[in-house]
N, C-alpha and C. Protein backbone atom coordinates (compact mmCIF):
# COMPACT_ATOMS: atom_id res chain seq x y z
N MET A 1 0.82 -1.19 0.00
CA MET A 1 0.00 0.00 0.00
C MET A 1 0.87 1.27 0.00
N ARG A 2 1.97 1.20 0.70
CA ARG A 2 2.87 2.34 0.77
C ARG A 2 3.50 2.64 -0.59
N ARG A 3 3.82 1.59 -1.34
CA ARG A 3 4.41 1.77 -2.67
C ARG A 3 3.43 2.49 -3.60
N LEU A 4 2.15 2.14 -3.48
CA LEU A 4 1.12 2.78 -4.29
C LEU A 4 1.03 4.27 -3.96
N ALA A 5 1.14 4.61 -2.70
CA ALA A 5 1.09 6.01 -2.29
C ALA A 5 2.25 6.79 -2.89
N TYR A 6 3.40 6.19 -3.03
CA TYR A 6 4.55 6.86 -3.63
C TYR A 6 4.45 6.88 -5.17
N ALA A 7 3.89 5.86 -5.73
CA ALA A 7 3.81 5.75 -7.19
C ALA A 7 2.67 6.57 -7.79
N LEU A 8 1.60 6.79 -7.05
CA LEU A 8 0.43 7.51 -7.57
C LEU A 8 0.77 8.92 -8.07
N PRO A 9 1.49 9.76 -7.30
CA PRO A 9 1.84 11.08 -7.85
C PRO A 9 2.71 10.98 -9.11
N LEU A 10 3.60 10.00 -9.13
CA LEU A 10 4.45 9.82 -10.30
C LEU A 10 3.63 9.41 -11.53
N LEU A 11 2.65 8.54 -11.33
CA LEU A 11 1.77 8.12 -12.42
C LEU A 11 0.91 9.29 -12.92
N LEU A 12 0.40 10.08 -12.01
CA LEU A 12 -0.39 11.26 -12.39
C LEU A 12 0.46 12.25 -13.18
N PHE A 13 1.67 12.48 -12.72
CA PHE A 13 2.57 13.38 -13.43
C PHE A 13 2.85 12.86 -14.84
N ALA A 14 3.12 11.58 -14.97
CA ALA A 14 3.40 10.98 -16.28
C ALA A 14 2.19 11.10 -17.21
N ALA A 15 0.98 10.90 -16.66
CA ALA A 15 -0.23 11.03 -17.48
C ALA A 15 -0.41 12.46 -17.96
N LEU A 16 -0.23 13.44 -17.08
CA LEU A 16 -0.34 14.86 -17.48
C LEU A 16 0.73 15.24 -18.49
N ALA A 17 1.95 14.81 -18.26
CA ALA A 17 3.04 15.11 -19.19
C ALA A 17 2.74 14.51 -20.56
N GLY A 18 2.22 13.30 -20.60
CA GLY A 18 1.86 12.68 -21.86
C GLY A 18 0.75 13.44 -22.58
N TYR A 19 -0.25 13.87 -21.83
CA TYR A 19 -1.36 14.63 -22.41
C TYR A 19 -0.84 15.92 -23.05
N PHE A 20 -0.01 16.67 -22.32
CA PHE A 20 0.50 17.94 -22.83
C PHE A 20 1.47 17.72 -23.99
N ALA A 21 2.24 16.64 -23.96
CA ALA A 21 3.16 16.35 -25.06
C ALA A 21 2.38 16.08 -26.34
N VAL A 22 1.31 15.31 -26.25
CA VAL A 22 0.48 15.02 -27.42
C VAL A 22 -0.13 16.32 -27.96
N ALA A 23 -0.62 17.18 -27.06
CA ALA A 23 -1.22 18.45 -27.48
C ALA A 23 -0.20 19.35 -28.16
N LEU A 24 1.00 19.41 -27.63
CA LEU A 24 2.03 20.27 -28.22
C LEU A 24 2.55 19.75 -29.56
N LEU A 25 2.63 18.45 -29.69
CA LEU A 25 3.20 17.85 -30.91
C LEU A 25 2.16 17.60 -32.00
N SER A 26 0.90 17.89 -31.72
CA SER A 26 -0.17 17.61 -32.69
C SER A 26 -0.13 18.52 -33.91
N GLY A 27 0.53 19.68 -33.79
CA GLY A 27 0.59 20.62 -34.89
C GLY A 27 -0.62 21.54 -34.95
N ARG A 28 -1.57 21.36 -34.05
CA ARG A 28 -2.77 22.19 -34.00
C ARG A 28 -2.42 23.56 -33.44
N ASN A 29 -2.96 24.61 -34.04
CA ASN A 29 -2.74 25.96 -33.57
C ASN A 29 -3.73 26.25 -32.44
N PRO A 30 -3.25 26.47 -31.21
CA PRO A 30 -4.18 26.69 -30.10
C PRO A 30 -4.94 28.01 -30.20
N HIS A 31 -4.47 28.92 -31.06
CA HIS A 31 -5.15 30.20 -31.23
C HIS A 31 -6.27 30.12 -32.26
N GLU A 32 -6.32 29.04 -33.02
CA GLU A 32 -7.33 28.88 -34.05
C GLU A 32 -8.59 28.28 -33.43
N LEU A 33 -9.69 29.00 -33.56
CA LEU A 33 -10.95 28.53 -33.02
C LEU A 33 -11.72 27.81 -34.12
N PRO A 34 -12.08 26.56 -33.91
CA PRO A 34 -12.78 25.81 -34.95
C PRO A 34 -14.19 26.35 -35.18
N SER A 35 -14.68 26.18 -36.36
CA SER A 35 -16.04 26.59 -36.69
C SER A 35 -16.83 25.36 -37.12
N ALA A 36 -17.98 25.19 -36.52
CA ALA A 36 -18.86 24.08 -36.89
C ALA A 36 -19.45 24.29 -38.28
N LEU A 37 -19.36 25.51 -38.80
CA LEU A 37 -19.96 25.83 -40.10
C LEU A 37 -19.00 25.69 -41.27
N LEU A 38 -17.74 25.37 -41.00
CA LEU A 38 -16.77 25.24 -42.08
C LEU A 38 -17.23 24.19 -43.08
N ASP A 39 -17.21 24.57 -44.36
CA ASP A 39 -17.65 23.74 -45.49
C ASP A 39 -19.15 23.44 -45.47
N LYS A 40 -19.90 24.20 -44.71
CA LYS A 40 -21.35 24.08 -44.68
C LYS A 40 -21.95 25.38 -45.22
N PRO A 41 -23.22 25.36 -45.60
CA PRO A 41 -23.84 26.59 -46.11
C PRO A 41 -23.80 27.71 -45.08
N ALA A 42 -23.51 28.91 -45.56
CA ALA A 42 -23.53 30.08 -44.70
C ALA A 42 -24.96 30.31 -44.22
N PRO A 43 -25.12 30.78 -43.00
CA PRO A 43 -26.48 31.04 -42.50
C PRO A 43 -27.19 32.09 -43.37
N ALA A 44 -28.47 31.88 -43.56
CA ALA A 44 -29.28 32.85 -44.29
C ALA A 44 -29.44 34.09 -43.42
N PHE A 45 -29.40 35.26 -44.05
CA PHE A 45 -29.63 36.49 -43.31
C PHE A 45 -30.28 37.52 -44.22
N ASP A 46 -31.00 38.41 -43.61
CA ASP A 46 -31.66 39.51 -44.31
C ASP A 46 -31.64 40.69 -43.36
N LEU A 47 -30.75 41.65 -43.63
CA LEU A 47 -30.52 42.76 -42.71
C LEU A 47 -30.83 44.10 -43.38
N PRO A 48 -31.22 45.08 -42.57
CA PRO A 48 -31.36 46.42 -43.14
C PRO A 48 -29.98 46.92 -43.60
N SER A 49 -29.98 47.63 -44.69
CA SER A 49 -28.74 48.17 -45.24
C SER A 49 -28.33 49.41 -44.46
N LEU A 50 -27.03 49.58 -44.24
CA LEU A 50 -26.54 50.76 -43.53
C LEU A 50 -26.85 52.03 -44.33
N SER A 51 -26.87 51.92 -45.64
CA SER A 51 -27.16 53.09 -46.47
C SER A 51 -28.61 53.53 -46.36
N GLY A 52 -29.46 52.65 -45.80
CA GLY A 52 -30.86 52.99 -45.62
C GLY A 52 -31.71 52.82 -46.86
N ASP A 53 -31.13 52.27 -47.92
CA ASP A 53 -31.87 52.14 -49.17
C ASP A 53 -32.26 50.69 -49.47
N GLY A 54 -32.65 49.98 -48.47
CA GLY A 54 -33.10 48.62 -48.73
C GLY A 54 -32.53 47.63 -47.73
N ARG A 55 -32.28 46.42 -48.24
CA ARG A 55 -31.84 45.33 -47.37
C ARG A 55 -30.60 44.68 -47.96
N MET A 56 -29.88 43.99 -47.12
CA MET A 56 -28.74 43.19 -47.57
C MET A 56 -29.01 41.76 -47.14
N SER A 57 -29.02 40.85 -48.10
CA SER A 57 -29.32 39.46 -47.76
C SER A 57 -28.23 38.54 -48.26
N GLY A 58 -28.12 37.41 -47.60
CA GLY A 58 -27.16 36.41 -48.01
C GLY A 58 -27.46 35.86 -49.39
N SER A 59 -28.75 35.79 -49.73
CA SER A 59 -29.13 35.25 -51.04
C SER A 59 -28.62 36.14 -52.18
N ALA A 60 -28.44 37.43 -51.93
CA ALA A 60 -27.93 38.34 -52.96
C ALA A 60 -26.45 38.08 -53.26
N LEU A 61 -25.78 37.36 -52.36
CA LEU A 61 -24.36 37.07 -52.54
C LEU A 61 -24.11 35.77 -53.30
N ALA A 62 -25.17 35.03 -53.58
CA ALA A 62 -25.05 33.72 -54.22
C ALA A 62 -24.34 33.82 -55.57
N GLY A 63 -23.53 32.82 -55.86
CA GLY A 63 -22.87 32.75 -57.15
C GLY A 63 -21.57 33.51 -57.23
N GLN A 64 -21.11 34.08 -56.13
CA GLN A 64 -19.86 34.82 -56.14
C GLN A 64 -19.05 34.51 -54.89
N VAL A 65 -17.75 34.65 -55.00
CA VAL A 65 -16.88 34.49 -53.85
C VAL A 65 -16.90 35.81 -53.10
N VAL A 66 -17.17 35.75 -51.81
CA VAL A 66 -17.31 36.96 -51.02
C VAL A 66 -16.64 36.80 -49.66
N VAL A 67 -16.12 37.90 -49.16
CA VAL A 67 -15.54 37.95 -47.83
C VAL A 67 -16.49 38.77 -46.97
N VAL A 68 -16.99 38.15 -45.90
CA VAL A 68 -17.93 38.82 -44.99
C VAL A 68 -17.16 39.18 -43.73
N ASN A 69 -17.17 40.47 -43.40
CA ASN A 69 -16.44 40.98 -42.24
C ASN A 69 -17.41 41.58 -41.24
N PHE A 70 -17.44 41.02 -40.03
CA PHE A 70 -18.22 41.58 -38.92
C PHE A 70 -17.35 42.63 -38.23
N PHE A 71 -17.91 43.83 -38.04
CA PHE A 71 -17.16 44.91 -37.42
C PHE A 71 -18.09 45.75 -36.55
N ALA A 72 -17.51 46.68 -35.79
CA ALA A 72 -18.29 47.62 -35.00
C ALA A 72 -17.45 48.87 -34.75
N SER A 73 -18.11 49.99 -34.63
CA SER A 73 -17.39 51.25 -34.40
C SER A 73 -16.73 51.28 -33.03
N TRP A 74 -17.28 50.57 -32.08
CA TRP A 74 -16.75 50.56 -30.71
C TRP A 74 -15.61 49.55 -30.53
N CYS A 75 -15.25 48.85 -31.57
CA CYS A 75 -14.26 47.77 -31.52
C CYS A 75 -12.87 48.30 -31.89
N ALA A 76 -11.96 48.33 -30.90
CA ALA A 76 -10.59 48.81 -31.15
C ALA A 76 -9.85 47.95 -32.17
N PRO A 77 -9.90 46.61 -32.08
CA PRO A 77 -9.20 45.80 -33.09
C PRO A 77 -9.75 46.00 -34.51
N CYS A 78 -11.01 46.42 -34.62
CA CYS A 78 -11.58 46.70 -35.95
C CYS A 78 -10.85 47.88 -36.59
N ARG A 79 -10.47 48.85 -35.79
CA ARG A 79 -9.71 50.00 -36.28
C ARG A 79 -8.33 49.56 -36.76
N VAL A 80 -7.75 48.61 -36.05
CA VAL A 80 -6.42 48.12 -36.39
C VAL A 80 -6.44 47.41 -37.74
N GLU A 81 -7.46 46.58 -37.99
CA GLU A 81 -7.49 45.81 -39.25
C GLU A 81 -8.03 46.63 -40.42
N HIS A 82 -8.64 47.77 -40.16
CA HIS A 82 -9.34 48.52 -41.21
C HIS A 82 -8.44 48.91 -42.40
N PRO A 83 -7.21 49.38 -42.18
CA PRO A 83 -6.37 49.70 -43.35
C PRO A 83 -6.13 48.48 -44.24
N LEU A 84 -6.06 47.31 -43.65
CA LEU A 84 -5.88 46.08 -44.43
C LEU A 84 -7.13 45.77 -45.26
N LEU A 85 -8.31 46.02 -44.70
CA LEU A 85 -9.55 45.83 -45.45
C LEU A 85 -9.62 46.80 -46.63
N LEU A 86 -9.19 48.03 -46.40
CA LEU A 86 -9.16 49.00 -47.50
C LEU A 86 -8.23 48.53 -48.61
N ARG A 87 -7.06 48.00 -48.24
CA ARG A 87 -6.12 47.46 -49.24
C ARG A 87 -6.75 46.30 -50.00
N LEU A 88 -7.43 45.40 -49.29
CA LEU A 88 -8.06 44.26 -49.95
C LEU A 88 -9.08 44.71 -50.99
N ALA A 89 -9.89 45.69 -50.61
CA ALA A 89 -10.95 46.15 -51.51
C ALA A 89 -10.38 46.94 -52.69
N ARG A 90 -9.41 47.79 -52.43
CA ARG A 90 -8.92 48.69 -53.48
C ARG A 90 -7.85 48.06 -54.35
N GLN A 91 -6.84 47.46 -53.75
CA GLN A 91 -5.72 46.92 -54.53
C GLN A 91 -5.98 45.50 -55.01
N GLU A 92 -6.56 44.68 -54.16
CA GLU A 92 -6.76 43.28 -54.50
C GLU A 92 -8.13 43.01 -55.13
N LYS A 93 -9.00 44.01 -55.13
CA LYS A 93 -10.35 43.91 -55.72
C LYS A 93 -11.17 42.77 -55.10
N VAL A 94 -11.02 42.57 -53.79
CA VAL A 94 -11.77 41.55 -53.06
C VAL A 94 -13.20 42.04 -52.87
N HIS A 95 -14.18 41.16 -53.12
CA HIS A 95 -15.57 41.49 -52.87
C HIS A 95 -15.81 41.37 -51.37
N LEU A 96 -15.85 42.50 -50.72
CA LEU A 96 -15.91 42.58 -49.26
C LEU A 96 -17.27 43.13 -48.83
N VAL A 97 -17.95 42.37 -47.97
CA VAL A 97 -19.25 42.77 -47.44
C VAL A 97 -19.10 42.95 -45.94
N GLY A 98 -19.67 44.01 -45.42
CA GLY A 98 -19.58 44.27 -43.99
C GLY A 98 -20.89 44.03 -43.28
N ILE A 99 -20.79 43.59 -42.03
CA ILE A 99 -21.96 43.49 -41.16
C ILE A 99 -21.62 44.23 -39.87
N ALA A 100 -22.34 45.32 -39.64
CA ALA A 100 -22.14 46.13 -38.44
C ALA A 100 -22.82 45.42 -37.28
N TYR A 101 -22.02 44.89 -36.38
CA TYR A 101 -22.49 44.02 -35.31
C TYR A 101 -22.79 44.82 -34.04
N LYS A 102 -24.05 44.76 -33.61
CA LYS A 102 -24.50 45.42 -32.37
C LYS A 102 -23.99 46.86 -32.28
N ASP A 103 -24.18 47.57 -33.37
CA ASP A 103 -23.71 48.95 -33.46
C ASP A 103 -24.85 49.84 -33.91
N ARG A 104 -24.84 51.06 -33.44
CA ARG A 104 -25.84 52.02 -33.91
C ARG A 104 -25.46 52.47 -35.32
N PRO A 105 -26.43 52.55 -36.22
CA PRO A 105 -26.12 52.93 -37.60
C PRO A 105 -25.35 54.25 -37.71
N ALA A 106 -25.70 55.24 -36.91
CA ALA A 106 -24.99 56.53 -36.97
C ALA A 106 -23.52 56.36 -36.59
N ASP A 107 -23.25 55.51 -35.60
CA ASP A 107 -21.86 55.27 -35.20
C ASP A 107 -21.09 54.53 -36.28
N SER A 108 -21.74 53.57 -36.94
CA SER A 108 -21.09 52.84 -38.04
C SER A 108 -20.78 53.78 -39.19
N ARG A 109 -21.71 54.66 -39.52
CA ARG A 109 -21.49 55.63 -40.60
C ARG A 109 -20.31 56.55 -40.27
N ARG A 110 -20.26 57.02 -39.04
CA ARG A 110 -19.18 57.91 -38.60
C ARG A 110 -17.83 57.17 -38.67
N PHE A 111 -17.81 55.91 -38.23
CA PHE A 111 -16.61 55.07 -38.28
C PHE A 111 -16.08 54.96 -39.71
N LEU A 112 -16.98 54.67 -40.66
CA LEU A 112 -16.58 54.50 -42.06
C LEU A 112 -16.22 55.83 -42.72
N ALA A 113 -16.88 56.91 -42.31
CA ALA A 113 -16.54 58.22 -42.86
C ALA A 113 -15.14 58.63 -42.41
N GLU A 114 -14.79 58.26 -41.20
CA GLU A 114 -13.47 58.61 -40.65
C GLU A 114 -12.35 57.75 -41.25
N LEU A 115 -12.59 56.45 -41.38
CA LEU A 115 -11.52 55.53 -41.78
C LEU A 115 -11.57 55.09 -43.24
N GLY A 116 -12.69 55.32 -43.91
CA GLY A 116 -12.86 54.86 -45.29
C GLY A 116 -13.78 53.66 -45.33
N ASP A 117 -14.44 53.47 -46.46
CA ASP A 117 -15.42 52.38 -46.60
C ASP A 117 -14.94 51.36 -47.62
N PRO A 118 -14.48 50.19 -47.16
CA PRO A 118 -14.00 49.17 -48.09
C PRO A 118 -15.10 48.23 -48.59
N TYR A 119 -16.31 48.37 -48.07
CA TYR A 119 -17.36 47.39 -48.31
C TYR A 119 -18.22 47.72 -49.53
N SER A 120 -18.62 46.67 -50.25
CA SER A 120 -19.54 46.86 -51.38
C SER A 120 -20.97 46.93 -50.88
N ALA A 121 -21.23 46.36 -49.71
CA ALA A 121 -22.55 46.42 -49.08
C ALA A 121 -22.35 46.24 -47.57
N ILE A 122 -23.26 46.85 -46.80
CA ILE A 122 -23.16 46.74 -45.33
C ILE A 122 -24.55 46.52 -44.77
N GLY A 123 -24.67 45.48 -43.95
CA GLY A 123 -25.91 45.21 -43.25
C GLY A 123 -25.76 45.56 -41.77
N ILE A 124 -26.88 45.85 -41.14
CA ILE A 124 -26.88 46.21 -39.72
C ILE A 124 -27.45 45.06 -38.91
N ASP A 125 -26.61 44.47 -38.08
CA ASP A 125 -27.03 43.38 -37.19
C ASP A 125 -27.18 43.95 -35.78
N ARG A 126 -28.22 44.75 -35.58
CA ARG A 126 -28.42 45.48 -34.33
C ARG A 126 -28.53 44.57 -33.12
N ASP A 127 -29.29 43.48 -33.25
CA ASP A 127 -29.52 42.60 -32.10
C ASP A 127 -28.50 41.46 -32.01
N GLY A 128 -27.63 41.33 -33.01
CA GLY A 128 -26.59 40.31 -32.98
C GLY A 128 -27.03 38.92 -33.41
N ARG A 129 -28.25 38.79 -33.89
CA ARG A 129 -28.78 37.48 -34.28
C ARG A 129 -27.98 36.84 -35.43
N THR A 130 -27.63 37.63 -36.43
CA THR A 130 -26.86 37.10 -37.55
C THR A 130 -25.47 36.66 -37.07
N GLY A 131 -24.87 37.44 -36.20
CA GLY A 131 -23.59 37.04 -35.62
C GLY A 131 -23.68 35.72 -34.89
N ILE A 132 -24.75 35.53 -34.13
CA ILE A 132 -24.96 34.26 -33.42
C ILE A 132 -25.10 33.12 -34.42
N ASP A 133 -25.86 33.35 -35.49
CA ASP A 133 -26.04 32.32 -36.51
C ASP A 133 -24.72 31.90 -37.16
N PHE A 134 -23.80 32.85 -37.30
CA PHE A 134 -22.49 32.56 -37.87
C PHE A 134 -21.54 31.94 -36.84
N GLY A 135 -21.91 31.96 -35.56
CA GLY A 135 -21.04 31.43 -34.52
C GLY A 135 -19.98 32.43 -34.10
N LEU A 136 -20.30 33.70 -34.22
CA LEU A 136 -19.36 34.78 -33.93
C LEU A 136 -18.90 34.74 -32.48
N TYR A 137 -17.58 34.82 -32.27
CA TYR A 137 -17.00 34.92 -30.93
C TYR A 137 -16.93 36.38 -30.51
N GLY A 138 -16.72 37.26 -31.46
CA GLY A 138 -16.60 38.69 -31.19
C GLY A 138 -16.15 39.38 -32.46
N VAL A 139 -16.03 40.68 -32.40
CA VAL A 139 -15.60 41.42 -33.59
C VAL A 139 -14.16 41.85 -33.39
N PRO A 140 -13.41 41.96 -34.46
CA PRO A 140 -13.76 41.61 -35.83
C PRO A 140 -13.66 40.10 -36.06
N GLU A 141 -14.42 39.66 -37.00
CA GLU A 141 -14.36 38.27 -37.44
C GLU A 141 -14.69 38.26 -38.93
N THR A 142 -13.99 37.43 -39.70
CA THR A 142 -14.10 37.45 -41.15
C THR A 142 -14.32 36.04 -41.68
N TYR A 143 -15.23 35.93 -42.64
CA TYR A 143 -15.58 34.64 -43.24
C TYR A 143 -15.40 34.71 -44.75
N VAL A 144 -14.90 33.63 -45.34
CA VAL A 144 -14.82 33.51 -46.80
C VAL A 144 -15.93 32.56 -47.22
N ILE A 145 -16.76 33.03 -48.14
CA ILE A 145 -17.89 32.24 -48.63
C ILE A 145 -17.69 32.00 -50.12
N ASP A 146 -17.80 30.74 -50.53
CA ASP A 146 -17.57 30.39 -51.94
C ASP A 146 -18.82 30.63 -52.79
N ARG A 147 -18.71 30.36 -54.08
CA ARG A 147 -19.82 30.59 -55.02
C ARG A 147 -21.07 29.78 -54.68
N ALA A 148 -20.86 28.61 -54.07
CA ALA A 148 -22.00 27.75 -53.71
C ALA A 148 -22.63 28.18 -52.38
N GLY A 149 -22.06 29.21 -51.76
CA GLY A 149 -22.63 29.71 -50.50
C GLY A 149 -22.12 28.99 -49.26
N HIS A 150 -21.01 28.27 -49.39
CA HIS A 150 -20.44 27.55 -48.25
C HIS A 150 -19.32 28.35 -47.60
N ILE A 151 -19.24 28.29 -46.29
CA ILE A 151 -18.16 28.95 -45.56
C ILE A 151 -16.90 28.11 -45.75
N ARG A 152 -15.86 28.73 -46.29
CA ARG A 152 -14.62 28.01 -46.56
C ARG A 152 -13.51 28.34 -45.57
N LYS A 153 -13.58 29.50 -44.93
CA LYS A 153 -12.54 29.89 -43.97
C LYS A 153 -13.11 30.91 -43.01
N ARG A 154 -12.59 30.86 -41.80
CA ARG A 154 -13.00 31.81 -40.76
C ARG A 154 -11.74 32.36 -40.11
N PHE A 155 -11.69 33.67 -39.98
CA PHE A 155 -10.60 34.36 -39.31
C PHE A 155 -11.18 35.03 -38.07
N VAL A 156 -10.71 34.60 -36.91
CA VAL A 156 -11.18 35.18 -35.65
C VAL A 156 -10.20 36.27 -35.24
N GLY A 157 -10.72 37.44 -34.91
CA GLY A 157 -9.87 38.56 -34.53
C GLY A 157 -9.46 39.36 -35.75
N PRO A 158 -8.66 40.38 -35.53
CA PRO A 158 -8.27 41.23 -36.66
C PRO A 158 -7.37 40.49 -37.63
N LEU A 159 -7.62 40.72 -38.91
CA LEU A 159 -6.77 40.14 -39.94
C LEU A 159 -5.38 40.75 -39.84
N SER A 160 -4.38 39.95 -40.10
CA SER A 160 -3.00 40.45 -40.15
C SER A 160 -2.54 40.38 -41.60
N ALA A 161 -1.52 41.17 -41.92
CA ALA A 161 -0.97 41.15 -43.28
C ALA A 161 -0.45 39.75 -43.61
N ALA A 162 0.15 39.08 -42.63
CA ALA A 162 0.67 37.73 -42.87
C ALA A 162 -0.47 36.76 -43.18
N ALA A 163 -1.56 36.82 -42.43
CA ALA A 163 -2.70 35.92 -42.67
C ALA A 163 -3.33 36.20 -44.03
N VAL A 164 -3.39 37.46 -44.40
CA VAL A 164 -3.97 37.83 -45.70
C VAL A 164 -3.10 37.27 -46.83
N ASP A 165 -1.79 37.48 -46.74
CA ASP A 165 -0.89 37.04 -47.81
C ASP A 165 -0.72 35.52 -47.85
N ARG A 166 -0.70 34.88 -46.69
CA ARG A 166 -0.42 33.44 -46.61
C ARG A 166 -1.68 32.58 -46.77
N GLU A 167 -2.84 33.09 -46.30
CA GLU A 167 -4.05 32.26 -46.29
C GLU A 167 -5.20 32.83 -47.12
N LEU A 168 -5.57 34.08 -46.86
CA LEU A 168 -6.77 34.64 -47.48
C LEU A 168 -6.64 34.79 -49.00
N LEU A 169 -5.62 35.48 -49.47
CA LEU A 169 -5.50 35.72 -50.91
C LEU A 169 -5.31 34.42 -51.71
N PRO A 170 -4.46 33.48 -51.25
CA PRO A 170 -4.38 32.21 -52.00
C PRO A 170 -5.72 31.46 -52.05
N LEU A 171 -6.47 31.50 -50.95
CA LEU A 171 -7.78 30.84 -50.95
C LEU A 171 -8.72 31.53 -51.93
N LEU A 172 -8.75 32.85 -51.94
CA LEU A 172 -9.62 33.57 -52.85
C LEU A 172 -9.25 33.29 -54.31
N ARG A 173 -7.95 33.22 -54.58
CA ARG A 173 -7.53 32.90 -55.96
C ARG A 173 -7.98 31.50 -56.36
N ALA A 174 -7.84 30.56 -55.44
CA ALA A 174 -8.27 29.18 -55.73
C ALA A 174 -9.77 29.09 -55.95
N LEU A 175 -10.53 29.82 -55.16
CA LEU A 175 -11.98 29.80 -55.28
C LEU A 175 -12.46 30.54 -56.53
N ALA A 176 -11.68 31.47 -57.02
CA ALA A 176 -12.07 32.25 -58.20
C ALA A 176 -11.92 31.45 -59.49
N ARG A 177 -11.10 30.41 -59.45
CA ARG A 177 -10.92 29.58 -60.65
C ARG A 177 -12.21 28.86 -60.99
N PRO A 178 -12.54 28.79 -62.29
CA PRO A 178 -13.78 28.10 -62.70
C PRO A 178 -13.72 26.60 -62.50
């Protein structure tokens, strides 16, 4: 019985060390949050347009590769990624759609007037329901949707230049091929 008392902490330590070794050597990025919607149809949505001249719906995006970016005027990381979104829209000609998440329309308009508007269309998700349907963790968050309307990639947090060059642009080029 005494030997078991001495061996038990050693066995527990070995089990924990093994668990952490497997996790570290798996190659999985611990910062990457999985999405249950990856390779599944994007959630349907129908939102009032920020411009006030109608609605923005997911069905209007069908048949084209589109990048959907959730943002808010009160979101500091959204300000950080905004110059990169402008570059994507202007230099790379990415079809970028914005969804103003839990933001007042006047604040979203002021945000875009101050920093520039990279979006071809913007919907207002005042109550956050569309964000919930997408599985949003917080803003900013960006989704790549293919021509068939399936979510192909999710970027949690602000986009970085490295992620855009290494992951986003190659994916968009691959999806653009007929």
